[in-house]
Amino acid sequence: MNNHSIIEAAVSFVKNELEFEPSGHDWWHIERVRNLAVAIAKQEQADLLVCELSALLHDIADEKLNDTKEAGLEKVCSWLMSHGAERRLMDHVMLIISTMSYNGGKNPPMDTIEGKVVQDADRLDAMGAIGIARTFIYSGATGRPMHQPGKDFSDADYRSSEKSAIYHFYEKLLKLKGLLNTDYARELAEERHAFMESYLNQFYKEWDLMEEGGDTR
């Protein structure tokens, strides 16, 4: 299978799997990450096929969307094998997908420029206006509250469903700018990061006004 054919097959596969996924990891997230990955790869002179294919397949293996992380990785590996991916390509894609997750910021640095590119693309889509929208979509889908002022979540597990959407800004979103790998991604992140800070300022302004007003009944 040539490069164009395997990309087209991956698009069809991922659309079928994630088109209506309700937690912000849907096809349109994949398409944005794919486009960002290609743009960053061109700037970094990385392998375009590895970056595009990894970006397309990365959430197929996401542990949030599978019974286990291992089950998700096996699904991707099986798909690559069934579509005749060369061993070197398959190994590189699997390495990227298995190690690119944020995971509370605890994952070690990516080993290859392609891994850095795809990780940056995924992290950029968790920032800015779209990142904010995805945070609230995910919180709603998993039953998390919007905001719980004064509550300390620092000892809670990263995946805990008790944590609020606003807390997620501090445990992840606002940290992403400083964790990006490539110069071009850091350039793209500046406006997105500033927008998130501005959004939080407005959020607290409106929230505080609500608290000052109290119950008017």
N, C-alpha and C. Protein backbone atom coordinates (compact mmCIF):
# COMPACT_ATOMS: atom_id res chain seq x y z
N MET A 1 0.85 -1.19 0.00
CA MET A 1 0.00 0.00 0.00
C MET A 1 0.89 1.25 0.00
N ASN A 2 0.64 2.17 -0.95
CA ASN A 2 1.47 3.37 -1.02
C ASN A 2 1.05 4.39 0.05
N ASN A 3 1.84 5.48 0.15
CA ASN A 3 1.61 6.46 1.21
C ASN A 3 0.21 7.07 1.15
N HIS A 4 -0.22 7.45 -0.07
CA HIS A 4 -1.54 8.07 -0.21
C HIS A 4 -2.64 7.09 0.20
N SER A 5 -2.50 5.84 -0.19
CA SER A 5 -3.54 4.85 0.09
C SER A 5 -3.67 4.58 1.59
N ILE A 6 -2.54 4.49 2.30
CA ILE A 6 -2.63 4.20 3.72
C ILE A 6 -3.18 5.39 4.50
N ILE A 7 -2.90 6.61 4.04
CA ILE A 7 -3.48 7.79 4.68
C ILE A 7 -4.99 7.82 4.45
N GLU A 8 -5.42 7.55 3.22
CA GLU A 8 -6.86 7.53 2.93
C GLU A 8 -7.57 6.43 3.72
N ALA A 9 -6.94 5.29 3.84
CA ALA A 9 -7.53 4.20 4.63
C ALA A 9 -7.61 4.58 6.09
N ALA A 10 -6.59 5.27 6.61
CA ALA A 10 -6.60 5.71 8.00
C ALA A 10 -7.71 6.72 8.25
N VAL A 11 -7.91 7.63 7.32
CA VAL A 11 -8.99 8.61 7.44
C VAL A 11 -10.34 7.90 7.55
N SER A 12 -10.58 6.95 6.67
CA SER A 12 -11.84 6.21 6.69
C SER A 12 -12.02 5.45 8.00
N PHE A 13 -10.96 4.81 8.46
CA PHE A 13 -11.00 4.03 9.70
C PHE A 13 -11.31 4.93 10.90
N VAL A 14 -10.59 6.03 11.01
CA VAL A 14 -10.76 6.91 12.17
C VAL A 14 -12.12 7.59 12.15
N LYS A 15 -12.58 8.01 10.99
CA LYS A 15 -13.92 8.59 10.90
C LYS A 15 -14.97 7.59 11.39
N ASN A 16 -14.83 6.36 10.97
CA ASN A 16 -15.78 5.33 11.37
C ASN A 16 -15.76 5.10 12.88
N GLU A 17 -14.58 5.18 13.48
CA GLU A 17 -14.42 4.92 14.91
C GLU A 17 -14.81 6.12 15.78
N LEU A 18 -14.51 7.34 15.33
CA LEU A 18 -14.58 8.49 16.24
C LEU A 18 -15.48 9.65 15.77
N GLU A 19 -16.16 9.48 14.64
CA GLU A 19 -16.92 10.61 14.09
C GLU A 19 -17.89 11.20 15.10
N PHE A 20 -18.56 10.37 15.88
CA PHE A 20 -19.57 10.87 16.82
C PHE A 20 -19.13 10.72 18.28
N GLU A 21 -17.83 10.61 18.52
CA GLU A 21 -17.31 10.50 19.88
C GLU A 21 -17.64 11.79 20.64
N PRO A 22 -18.28 11.70 21.83
CA PRO A 22 -18.86 12.89 22.46
C PRO A 22 -17.99 13.64 23.45
N SER A 23 -16.74 13.22 23.65
CA SER A 23 -15.96 13.83 24.72
C SER A 23 -14.89 14.81 24.25
N GLY A 24 -14.96 15.22 22.98
CA GLY A 24 -13.96 16.15 22.46
C GLY A 24 -12.79 15.46 21.78
N HIS A 25 -12.87 14.13 21.64
CA HIS A 25 -11.85 13.37 20.93
C HIS A 25 -12.44 12.81 19.63
N ASP A 26 -13.21 13.63 18.96
CA ASP A 26 -13.94 13.20 17.77
C ASP A 26 -13.10 13.39 16.51
N TRP A 27 -13.73 13.13 15.35
CA TRP A 27 -13.02 13.24 14.09
C TRP A 27 -12.46 14.64 13.87
N TRP A 28 -13.19 15.66 14.24
CA TRP A 28 -12.71 17.02 13.97
C TRP A 28 -11.48 17.36 14.80
N HIS A 29 -11.37 16.81 16.01
CA HIS A 29 -10.13 16.94 16.77
C HIS A 29 -8.99 16.27 16.01
N ILE A 30 -9.23 15.07 15.51
CA ILE A 30 -8.21 14.36 14.76
C ILE A 30 -7.78 15.15 13.53
N GLU A 31 -8.73 15.71 12.82
CA GLU A 31 -8.42 16.47 11.60
C GLU A 31 -7.60 17.72 11.93
N ARG A 32 -7.93 18.40 13.03
CA ARG A 32 -7.14 19.57 13.43
C ARG A 32 -5.71 19.17 13.79
N VAL A 33 -5.57 18.10 14.57
CA VAL A 33 -4.24 17.64 14.96
C VAL A 33 -3.45 17.20 13.72
N ARG A 34 -4.12 16.53 12.82
CA ARG A 34 -3.47 16.12 11.57
C ARG A 34 -2.92 17.33 10.82
N ASN A 35 -3.74 18.35 10.64
CA ASN A 35 -3.32 19.53 9.89
C ASN A 35 -2.19 20.27 10.61
N LEU A 36 -2.28 20.37 11.93
CA LEU A 36 -1.21 21.00 12.70
C LEU A 36 0.08 20.20 12.58
N ALA A 37 -0.03 18.88 12.67
CA ALA A 37 1.16 18.02 12.59
C ALA A 37 1.86 18.18 11.24
N VAL A 38 1.08 18.23 10.17
CA VAL A 38 1.67 18.39 8.84
C VAL A 38 2.36 19.75 8.73
N ALA A 39 1.72 20.80 9.24
CA ALA A 39 2.30 22.14 9.18
C ALA A 39 3.60 22.22 9.97
N ILE A 40 3.61 21.65 11.18
CA ILE A 40 4.82 21.68 12.01
C ILE A 40 5.90 20.80 11.40
N ALA A 41 5.52 19.64 10.86
CA ALA A 41 6.48 18.72 10.24
C ALA A 41 7.22 19.39 9.08
N LYS A 42 6.50 20.18 8.30
CA LYS A 42 7.14 20.88 7.18
C LYS A 42 8.18 21.88 7.69
N GLN A 43 7.85 22.55 8.79
CA GLN A 43 8.80 23.52 9.37
C GLN A 43 10.03 22.80 9.93
N GLU A 44 9.82 21.62 10.50
CA GLU A 44 10.89 20.88 11.18
C GLU A 44 11.58 19.88 10.27
N GLN A 45 11.13 19.78 9.01
CA GLN A 45 11.67 18.81 8.05
C GLN A 45 11.60 17.38 8.59
N ALA A 46 10.47 17.09 9.23
CA ALA A 46 10.23 15.75 9.76
C ALA A 46 9.56 14.88 8.69
N ASP A 47 9.49 13.60 8.96
CA ASP A 47 8.87 12.65 8.03
C ASP A 47 7.36 12.88 8.00
N LEU A 48 6.85 13.34 6.88
CA LEU A 48 5.44 13.71 6.79
C LEU A 48 4.52 12.51 6.95
N LEU A 49 4.87 11.38 6.38
CA LEU A 49 4.02 10.19 6.48
C LEU A 49 3.89 9.75 7.93
N VAL A 50 5.00 9.66 8.64
CA VAL A 50 4.97 9.24 10.04
C VAL A 50 4.13 10.21 10.86
N CYS A 51 4.32 11.50 10.64
CA CYS A 51 3.58 12.50 11.43
C CYS A 51 2.09 12.46 11.13
N GLU A 52 1.73 12.41 9.84
CA GLU A 52 0.32 12.44 9.48
C GLU A 52 -0.39 11.18 9.93
N LEU A 53 0.23 10.03 9.73
CA LEU A 53 -0.39 8.76 10.12
C LEU A 53 -0.53 8.66 11.64
N SER A 54 0.48 9.08 12.36
CA SER A 54 0.42 9.06 13.83
C SER A 54 -0.66 10.00 14.34
N ALA A 55 -0.76 11.18 13.74
CA ALA A 55 -1.80 12.13 14.15
C ALA A 55 -3.19 11.56 13.90
N LEU A 56 -3.37 10.90 12.77
CA LEU A 56 -4.68 10.32 12.45
C LEU A 56 -5.07 9.22 13.43
N LEU A 57 -4.11 8.40 13.82
CA LEU A 57 -4.42 7.21 14.61
C LEU A 57 -4.29 7.40 16.12
N HIS A 58 -3.81 8.55 16.58
CA HIS A 58 -3.39 8.65 17.99
C HIS A 58 -4.52 8.41 18.99
N ASP A 59 -5.73 8.88 18.71
CA ASP A 59 -6.80 8.70 19.70
C ASP A 59 -7.52 7.36 19.58
N ILE A 60 -7.25 6.62 18.54
CA ILE A 60 -7.76 5.24 18.48
C ILE A 60 -7.25 4.46 19.68
N ALA A 61 -6.02 4.80 20.11
CA ALA A 61 -5.39 4.08 21.22
C ALA A 61 -5.59 4.75 22.57
N ASP A 62 -6.28 5.89 22.60
CA ASP A 62 -6.40 6.64 23.85
C ASP A 62 -7.07 5.78 24.93
N GLU A 63 -6.44 5.72 26.11
CA GLU A 63 -6.98 4.88 27.18
C GLU A 63 -8.34 5.35 27.67
N LYS A 64 -8.67 6.63 27.44
CA LYS A 64 -9.99 7.12 27.84
C LYS A 64 -11.09 6.54 26.96
N LEU A 65 -10.72 6.08 25.78
CA LEU A 65 -11.70 5.58 24.81
C LEU A 65 -11.65 4.06 24.65
N ASN A 66 -10.85 3.40 25.47
CA ASN A 66 -10.71 1.95 25.41
C ASN A 66 -10.76 1.37 26.82
N ASP A 67 -10.97 0.07 26.89
CA ASP A 67 -10.99 -0.58 28.20
C ASP A 67 -9.66 -0.42 28.92
N THR A 68 -8.56 -0.52 28.16
CA THR A 68 -7.22 -0.31 28.70
C THR A 68 -6.36 0.35 27.63
N LYS A 69 -5.24 0.93 28.06
CA LYS A 69 -4.29 1.50 27.10
C LYS A 69 -3.77 0.41 26.17
N GLU A 70 -3.50 -0.76 26.73
CA GLU A 70 -2.97 -1.87 25.94
C GLU A 70 -3.94 -2.30 24.85
N ALA A 71 -5.24 -2.32 25.18
CA ALA A 71 -6.25 -2.69 24.19
C ALA A 71 -6.28 -1.69 23.05
N GLY A 72 -6.16 -0.41 23.38
CA GLY A 72 -6.15 0.62 22.34
C GLY A 72 -4.93 0.51 21.45
N LEU A 73 -3.77 0.25 22.03
CA LEU A 73 -2.56 0.11 21.24
C LEU A 73 -2.63 -1.12 20.34
N GLU A 74 -3.20 -2.18 20.83
CA GLU A 74 -3.35 -3.39 20.03
C GLU A 74 -4.26 -3.14 18.84
N LYS A 75 -5.30 -2.32 19.03
CA LYS A 75 -6.21 -1.99 17.93
C LYS A 75 -5.46 -1.27 16.80
N VAL A 76 -4.60 -0.32 17.19
CA VAL A 76 -3.82 0.40 16.19
C VAL A 76 -2.81 -0.52 15.50
N CYS A 77 -2.12 -1.32 16.28
CA CYS A 77 -1.12 -2.24 15.73
C CYS A 77 -1.76 -3.21 14.74
N SER A 78 -2.91 -3.75 15.10
CA SER A 78 -3.61 -4.69 14.22
C SER A 78 -4.01 -4.01 12.91
N TRP A 79 -4.46 -2.77 13.02
CA TRP A 79 -4.87 -2.05 11.82
C TRP A 79 -3.67 -1.82 10.90
N LEU A 80 -2.56 -1.39 11.47
CA LEU A 80 -1.36 -1.14 10.66
C LEU A 80 -0.89 -2.42 9.98
N MET A 81 -0.90 -3.52 10.70
CA MET A 81 -0.47 -4.79 10.12
C MET A 81 -1.39 -5.23 9.00
N SER A 82 -2.68 -5.07 9.21
CA SER A 82 -3.66 -5.51 8.20
C SER A 82 -3.62 -4.65 6.95
N HIS A 83 -3.02 -3.46 7.06
CA HIS A 83 -2.93 -2.57 5.89
C HIS A 83 -1.52 -2.52 5.32
N GLY A 84 -0.72 -3.50 5.69
CA GLY A 84 0.58 -3.68 5.05
C GLY A 84 1.62 -2.63 5.36
N ALA A 85 1.52 -1.99 6.52
CA ALA A 85 2.52 -0.99 6.87
C ALA A 85 3.88 -1.64 7.05
N GLU A 86 4.91 -1.01 6.52
CA GLU A 86 6.27 -1.52 6.70
C GLU A 86 6.63 -1.52 8.18
N ARG A 87 7.48 -2.45 8.58
CA ARG A 87 7.83 -2.61 9.99
C ARG A 87 8.39 -1.32 10.59
N ARG A 88 9.26 -0.64 9.85
CA ARG A 88 9.86 0.58 10.38
C ARG A 88 8.82 1.66 10.61
N LEU A 89 7.88 1.80 9.67
CA LEU A 89 6.80 2.77 9.81
C LEU A 89 5.91 2.39 10.99
N MET A 90 5.53 1.13 11.07
CA MET A 90 4.64 0.68 12.14
C MET A 90 5.29 0.89 13.51
N ASP A 91 6.56 0.55 13.64
CA ASP A 91 7.24 0.70 14.92
C ASP A 91 7.32 2.16 15.33
N HIS A 92 7.57 3.04 14.37
CA HIS A 92 7.69 4.47 14.69
C HIS A 92 6.34 5.05 15.11
N VAL A 93 5.29 4.72 14.37
CA VAL A 93 3.95 5.20 14.71
C VAL A 93 3.53 4.68 16.08
N MET A 94 3.77 3.43 16.35
CA MET A 94 3.40 2.85 17.64
C MET A 94 4.18 3.49 18.78
N LEU A 95 5.45 3.79 18.56
CA LEU A 95 6.26 4.46 19.58
C LEU A 95 5.68 5.83 19.91
N ILE A 96 5.32 6.57 18.88
CA ILE A 96 4.76 7.91 19.09
C ILE A 96 3.44 7.83 19.85
N ILE A 97 2.54 7.00 19.37
CA ILE A 97 1.21 6.92 19.97
C ILE A 97 1.27 6.43 21.41
N SER A 98 2.18 5.54 21.70
CA SER A 98 2.24 4.97 23.05
C SER A 98 2.88 5.90 24.07
N THR A 99 3.57 6.94 23.61
CA THR A 99 4.32 7.80 24.55
C THR A 99 3.95 9.27 24.49
N MET A 100 3.01 9.67 23.62
CA MET A 100 2.74 11.10 23.44
C MET A 100 1.72 11.68 24.41
N SER A 101 1.01 10.84 25.13
CA SER A 101 -0.04 11.32 26.04
C SER A 101 0.50 12.27 27.08
N TYR A 102 -0.33 13.23 27.51
CA TYR A 102 0.09 14.17 28.55
C TYR A 102 0.32 13.45 29.88
N ASN A 103 -0.64 12.62 30.28
CA ASN A 103 -0.50 11.77 31.47
C ASN A 103 -0.05 12.54 32.70
N GLY A 104 -0.70 13.66 32.94
CA GLY A 104 -0.35 14.46 34.11
C GLY A 104 1.00 15.14 33.99
N GLY A 105 1.55 15.22 32.78
CA GLY A 105 2.85 15.85 32.58
C GLY A 105 4.02 15.00 33.00
N LYS A 106 3.79 13.69 33.19
CA LYS A 106 4.83 12.81 33.73
C LYS A 106 5.59 12.02 32.67
N ASN A 107 5.12 12.05 31.43
CA ASN A 107 5.79 11.26 30.40
C ASN A 107 7.18 11.82 30.09
N PRO A 108 8.15 10.97 29.78
CA PRO A 108 9.48 11.45 29.39
C PRO A 108 9.43 12.14 28.03
N PRO A 109 10.46 12.90 27.67
CA PRO A 109 10.49 13.58 26.36
C PRO A 109 10.40 12.59 25.21
N MET A 110 9.83 13.04 24.11
CA MET A 110 9.73 12.20 22.93
C MET A 110 11.11 11.96 22.33
N ASP A 111 11.32 10.77 21.77
CA ASP A 111 12.64 10.38 21.27
C ASP A 111 12.96 10.92 19.88
N THR A 112 11.94 11.14 19.06
CA THR A 112 12.19 11.51 17.66
C THR A 112 11.53 12.85 17.34
N ILE A 113 12.01 13.49 16.28
CA ILE A 113 11.42 14.76 15.87
C ILE A 113 9.97 14.56 15.46
N GLU A 114 9.65 13.40 14.87
CA GLU A 114 8.26 13.13 14.48
C GLU A 114 7.38 13.02 15.72
N GLY A 115 7.87 12.38 16.76
CA GLY A 115 7.11 12.30 18.00
C GLY A 115 6.89 13.68 18.60
N LYS A 116 7.90 14.51 18.56
CA LYS A 116 7.78 15.87 19.09
C LYS A 116 6.75 16.67 18.30
N VAL A 117 6.75 16.49 16.99
CA VAL A 117 5.80 17.20 16.12
C VAL A 117 4.36 16.81 16.46
N VAL A 118 4.08 15.51 16.52
CA VAL A 118 2.71 15.05 16.76
C VAL A 118 2.26 15.41 18.17
N GLN A 119 3.14 15.28 19.13
CA GLN A 119 2.79 15.67 20.50
C GLN A 119 2.46 17.16 20.57
N ASP A 120 3.24 17.99 19.90
CA ASP A 120 2.97 19.42 19.87
C ASP A 120 1.61 19.72 19.23
N ALA A 121 1.32 19.03 18.12
CA ALA A 121 0.05 19.26 17.44
C ALA A 121 -1.13 18.92 18.35
N ASP A 122 -1.03 17.80 19.05
CA ASP A 122 -2.11 17.39 19.96
C ASP A 122 -2.24 18.38 21.12
N ARG A 123 -1.13 18.87 21.63
CA ARG A 123 -1.17 19.81 22.74
C ARG A 123 -1.71 21.17 22.31
N LEU A 124 -1.40 21.59 21.11
CA LEU A 124 -1.95 22.86 20.62
C LEU A 124 -3.47 22.80 20.54
N ASP A 125 -4.02 21.65 20.20
CA ASP A 125 -5.48 21.54 20.11
C ASP A 125 -6.15 21.49 21.48
N ALA A 126 -5.33 21.40 22.53
CA ALA A 126 -5.86 21.49 23.90
C ALA A 126 -5.72 22.90 24.45
N MET A 127 -5.32 23.84 23.60
CA MET A 127 -5.12 25.23 24.02
C MET A 127 -6.08 26.15 23.27
N GLY A 128 -6.16 27.40 23.72
CA GLY A 128 -6.93 28.41 23.01
C GLY A 128 -8.43 28.19 23.11
N ALA A 129 -9.16 28.82 22.18
CA ALA A 129 -10.62 28.74 22.20
C ALA A 129 -11.11 27.31 22.05
N ILE A 130 -10.48 26.55 21.16
CA ILE A 130 -10.91 25.17 20.97
C ILE A 130 -10.56 24.33 22.19
N GLY A 131 -9.41 24.55 22.78
CA GLY A 131 -9.04 23.84 23.99
C GLY A 131 -10.03 24.08 25.12
N ILE A 132 -10.48 25.31 25.25
CA ILE A 132 -11.49 25.64 26.27
C ILE A 132 -12.78 24.89 25.98
N ALA A 133 -13.22 24.94 24.72
CA ALA A 133 -14.45 24.24 24.35
C ALA A 133 -14.34 22.75 24.62
N ARG A 134 -13.21 22.16 24.28
CA ARG A 134 -13.02 20.73 24.50
C ARG A 134 -13.01 20.38 25.99
N THR A 135 -12.45 21.25 26.79
CA THR A 135 -12.43 21.02 28.24
C THR A 135 -13.84 20.91 28.79
N PHE A 136 -14.71 21.82 28.39
CA PHE A 136 -16.09 21.79 28.90
C PHE A 136 -16.90 20.66 28.29
N ILE A 137 -16.63 20.31 27.04
CA ILE A 137 -17.31 19.16 26.45
C ILE A 137 -16.94 17.89 27.21
N TYR A 138 -15.64 17.72 27.48
CA TYR A 138 -15.19 16.52 28.18
C TYR A 138 -15.76 16.48 29.60
N SER A 139 -15.77 17.62 30.27
CA SER A 139 -16.30 17.67 31.63
C SER A 139 -17.78 17.32 31.65
N GLY A 140 -18.53 17.83 30.67
CA GLY A 140 -19.95 17.49 30.60
C GLY A 140 -20.17 16.02 30.31
N ALA A 141 -19.36 15.48 29.40
CA ALA A 141 -19.52 14.07 29.03
C ALA A 141 -19.19 13.12 30.17
N THR A 142 -18.33 13.56 31.08
CA THR A 142 -17.90 12.70 32.19
C THR A 142 -18.52 13.11 33.53
N GLY A 143 -19.47 14.06 33.49
CA GLY A 143 -20.18 14.43 34.70
C GLY A 143 -19.39 15.27 35.68
N ARG A 144 -18.39 15.98 35.21
CA ARG A 144 -17.59 16.82 36.09
C ARG A 144 -18.21 18.20 36.24
N PRO A 145 -18.07 18.85 37.40
CA PRO A 145 -18.64 20.18 37.59
C PRO A 145 -17.84 21.24 36.83
N MET A 146 -18.48 22.38 36.58
CA MET A 146 -17.81 23.48 35.90
C MET A 146 -16.73 24.11 36.78
N HIS A 147 -17.09 24.42 38.03
CA HIS A 147 -16.15 25.11 38.93
C HIS A 147 -16.54 24.81 40.36
N GLN A 148 -15.55 24.59 41.19
CA GLN A 148 -15.77 24.38 42.62
C GLN A 148 -14.79 25.25 43.38
N PRO A 149 -15.12 26.53 43.58
CA PRO A 149 -14.18 27.46 44.21
C PRO A 149 -13.78 27.01 45.61
N GLY A 150 -12.47 27.14 45.88
CA GLY A 150 -11.97 26.84 47.21
C GLY A 150 -11.67 25.38 47.45
N LYS A 151 -12.02 24.50 46.51
CA LYS A 151 -11.78 23.07 46.72
C LYS A 151 -10.40 22.69 46.23
N ASP A 152 -9.67 21.94 47.04
CA ASP A 152 -8.30 21.52 46.71
C ASP A 152 -8.32 20.13 46.09
N PHE A 153 -7.87 20.06 44.82
CA PHE A 153 -7.82 18.79 44.11
C PHE A 153 -6.39 18.26 43.99
N SER A 154 -5.45 18.88 44.66
CA SER A 154 -4.03 18.57 44.42
C SER A 154 -3.68 17.12 44.74
N ASP A 155 -4.40 16.50 45.65
CA ASP A 155 -4.10 15.10 46.00
C ASP A 155 -4.92 14.09 45.19
N ALA A 156 -5.81 14.58 44.34
CA ALA A 156 -6.66 13.68 43.55
C ALA A 156 -5.89 13.09 42.39
N ASP A 157 -6.26 11.90 41.98
CA ASP A 157 -5.66 11.27 40.81
C ASP A 157 -5.93 12.12 39.57
N TYR A 158 -4.99 12.10 38.62
CA TYR A 158 -5.13 12.93 37.42
C TYR A 158 -6.43 12.65 36.68
N ARG A 159 -6.88 11.41 36.67
CA ARG A 159 -8.09 11.04 35.96
C ARG A 159 -9.35 11.15 36.83
N SER A 160 -9.23 11.66 38.03
CA SER A 160 -10.37 11.71 38.94
C SER A 160 -11.54 12.49 38.33
N SER A 161 -12.74 11.93 38.45
CA SER A 161 -13.94 12.57 37.92
C SER A 161 -14.47 13.64 38.86
N GLU A 162 -13.85 13.82 40.02
CA GLU A 162 -14.30 14.82 40.97
C GLU A 162 -13.82 16.23 40.61
N LYS A 163 -12.78 16.32 39.81
CA LYS A 163 -12.16 17.61 39.53
C LYS A 163 -12.98 18.43 38.54
N SER A 164 -12.92 19.74 38.68
CA SER A 164 -13.75 20.62 37.87
C SER A 164 -13.07 20.98 36.55
N ALA A 165 -13.88 21.50 35.62
CA ALA A 165 -13.35 21.96 34.34
C ALA A 165 -12.34 23.09 34.53
N ILE A 166 -12.64 24.02 35.40
CA ILE A 166 -11.73 25.15 35.62
C ILE A 166 -10.41 24.67 36.22
N TYR A 167 -10.46 23.69 37.09
CA TYR A 167 -9.21 23.17 37.66
C TYR A 167 -8.31 22.58 36.58
N HIS A 168 -8.91 22.06 35.53
CA HIS A 168 -8.14 21.44 34.45
C HIS A 168 -7.23 22.46 33.75
N PHE A 169 -7.62 23.74 33.77
CA PHE A 169 -6.74 24.76 33.21
C PHE A 169 -5.39 24.76 33.93
N TYR A 170 -5.45 24.60 35.25
CA TYR A 170 -4.23 24.72 36.06
C TYR A 170 -3.42 23.42 36.10
N GLU A 171 -4.10 22.29 35.98
CA GLU A 171 -3.35 21.03 36.01
C GLU A 171 -2.78 20.67 34.64
N LYS A 172 -3.30 21.30 33.57
CA LYS A 172 -2.81 20.95 32.23
C LYS A 172 -2.70 22.14 31.28
N LEU A 173 -3.83 22.77 30.95
CA LEU A 173 -3.87 23.68 29.82
C LEU A 173 -2.84 24.81 29.90
N LEU A 174 -2.72 25.43 31.07
CA LEU A 174 -1.80 26.55 31.22
C LEU A 174 -0.34 26.11 31.29
N LYS A 175 -0.10 24.84 31.44
CA LYS A 175 1.27 24.31 31.47
C LYS A 175 1.79 23.95 30.08
N LEU A 176 0.90 23.82 29.11
CA LEU A 176 1.28 23.26 27.83
C LEU A 176 2.27 24.13 27.06
N LYS A 177 2.13 25.44 27.13
CA LYS A 177 3.03 26.31 26.38
C LYS A 177 4.49 26.03 26.74
N GLY A 178 4.76 25.79 28.01
CA GLY A 178 6.12 25.53 28.46
C GLY A 178 6.61 24.13 28.19
N LEU A 179 5.73 23.26 27.69
CA LEU A 179 6.10 21.86 27.45
C LEU A 179 6.21 21.52 25.96
N LEU A 180 6.01 22.50 25.10
CA LEU A 180 6.07 22.23 23.66
C LEU A 180 7.51 22.00 23.22
N ASN A 181 7.67 21.23 22.16
CA ASN A 181 8.99 20.77 21.73
C ASN A 181 9.62 21.62 20.64
N THR A 182 8.81 22.20 19.77
CA THR A 182 9.34 22.84 18.56
C THR A 182 9.10 24.35 18.59
N ASP A 183 9.97 25.07 17.91
CA ASP A 183 9.86 26.53 17.87
C ASP A 183 8.56 26.97 17.22
N TYR A 184 8.16 26.30 16.14
CA TYR A 184 6.95 26.71 15.43
C TYR A 184 5.71 26.49 16.30
N ALA A 185 5.67 25.39 17.03
CA ALA A 185 4.54 25.14 17.93
C ALA A 185 4.50 26.19 19.03
N ARG A 186 5.66 26.55 19.57
CA ARG A 186 5.70 27.57 20.61
C ARG A 186 5.21 28.91 20.07
N GLU A 187 5.51 29.20 18.81
CA GLU A 187 5.02 30.42 18.18
C GLU A 187 3.49 30.39 18.08
N LEU A 188 2.95 29.26 17.62
CA LEU A 188 1.50 29.13 17.51
C LEU A 188 0.81 29.17 18.87
N ALA A 189 1.51 28.76 19.90
CA ALA A 189 0.91 28.65 21.24
C ALA A 189 0.72 30.00 21.92
N GLU A 190 1.48 31.01 21.53
CA GLU A 190 1.44 32.29 22.24
C GLU A 190 0.03 32.88 22.30
N GLU A 191 -0.62 32.99 21.17
CA GLU A 191 -1.96 33.58 21.12
C GLU A 191 -2.97 32.70 21.85
N ARG A 192 -2.84 31.39 21.72
CA ARG A 192 -3.77 30.48 22.38
C ARG A 192 -3.63 30.56 23.90
N HIS A 193 -2.41 30.61 24.37
CA HIS A 193 -2.18 30.71 25.81
C HIS A 193 -2.74 32.03 26.35
N ALA A 194 -2.48 33.12 25.66
CA ALA A 194 -2.98 34.42 26.10
C ALA A 194 -4.50 34.44 26.14
N PHE A 195 -5.13 33.78 25.16
CA PHE A 195 -6.59 33.75 25.15
C PHE A 195 -7.14 32.99 26.36
N MET A 196 -6.48 31.90 26.74
CA MET A 196 -6.94 31.15 27.92
C MET A 196 -6.82 31.99 29.19
N GLU A 197 -5.74 32.73 29.31
CA GLU A 197 -5.58 33.61 30.48
C GLU A 197 -6.67 34.68 30.49
N SER A 198 -6.95 35.24 29.33
CA SER A 198 -8.01 36.25 29.23
C SER A 198 -9.37 35.65 29.58
N TYR A 199 -9.61 34.43 29.09
CA TYR A 199 -10.87 33.76 29.39
C TYR A 199 -11.05 33.56 30.88
N LEU A 200 -10.01 33.10 31.55
CA LEU A 200 -10.11 32.87 33.00
C LEU A 200 -10.37 34.17 33.75
N ASN A 201 -9.73 35.24 33.32
CA ASN A 201 -9.98 36.54 33.97
C ASN A 201 -11.45 36.92 33.85
N GLN A 202 -12.01 36.73 32.66
CA GLN A 202 -13.43 37.07 32.47
C GLN A 202 -14.33 36.12 33.24
N PHE A 203 -13.97 34.83 33.27
CA PHE A 203 -14.76 33.85 34.01
C PHE A 203 -14.85 34.23 35.49
N TYR A 204 -13.71 34.56 36.09
CA TYR A 204 -13.70 34.89 37.52
C TYR A 204 -14.43 36.21 37.78
N LYS A 205 -14.33 37.13 36.84
CA LYS A 205 -15.04 38.39 36.99
C LYS A 205 -16.55 38.15 37.05
N GLU A 206 -17.05 37.32 36.17
CA GLU A 206 -18.48 37.01 36.16
C GLU A 206 -18.87 36.16 37.35
N TRP A 207 -18.02 35.20 37.73
CA TRP A 207 -18.32 34.34 38.87
C TRP A 207 -18.36 35.15 40.16
N ASP A 208 -17.39 36.03 40.33
CA ASP A 208 -17.33 36.85 41.55
C ASP A 208 -18.52 37.79 41.64
N LEU A 209 -18.98 38.29 40.51
CA LEU A 209 -20.16 39.15 40.50
C LEU A 209 -21.39 38.38 40.93
N MET A 210 -21.48 37.11 40.51
CA MET A 210 -22.58 36.25 40.93
C MET A 210 -22.55 36.07 42.45
N GLU A 211 -21.35 35.83 43.00
CA GLU A 211 -21.25 35.62 44.44
C GLU A 211 -21.53 36.89 45.23
N GLU A 212 -21.13 38.04 44.69
CA GLU A 212 -21.41 39.31 45.37
C GLU A 212 -22.91 39.60 45.38
N GLY A 213 -23.58 39.21 44.28
CA GLY A 213 -25.01 39.49 44.21
C GLY A 213 -25.83 38.63 45.16
N GLY A 214 -25.34 37.42 45.40
CA GLY A 214 -26.05 36.52 46.32
C GLY A 214 -27.40 36.14 45.77
N ASP A 215 -28.24 35.62 46.63
CA ASP A 215 -29.59 35.18 46.27
C ASP A 215 -30.52 36.38 46.31
N THR A 216 -31.09 36.76 45.17
CA THR A 216 -31.93 37.96 45.09
C THR A 216 -33.41 37.65 45.25
N ARG A 217 -33.73 36.39 45.51
CA ARG A 217 -35.15 36.07 45.66
C ARG A 217 -35.70 36.63 46.96
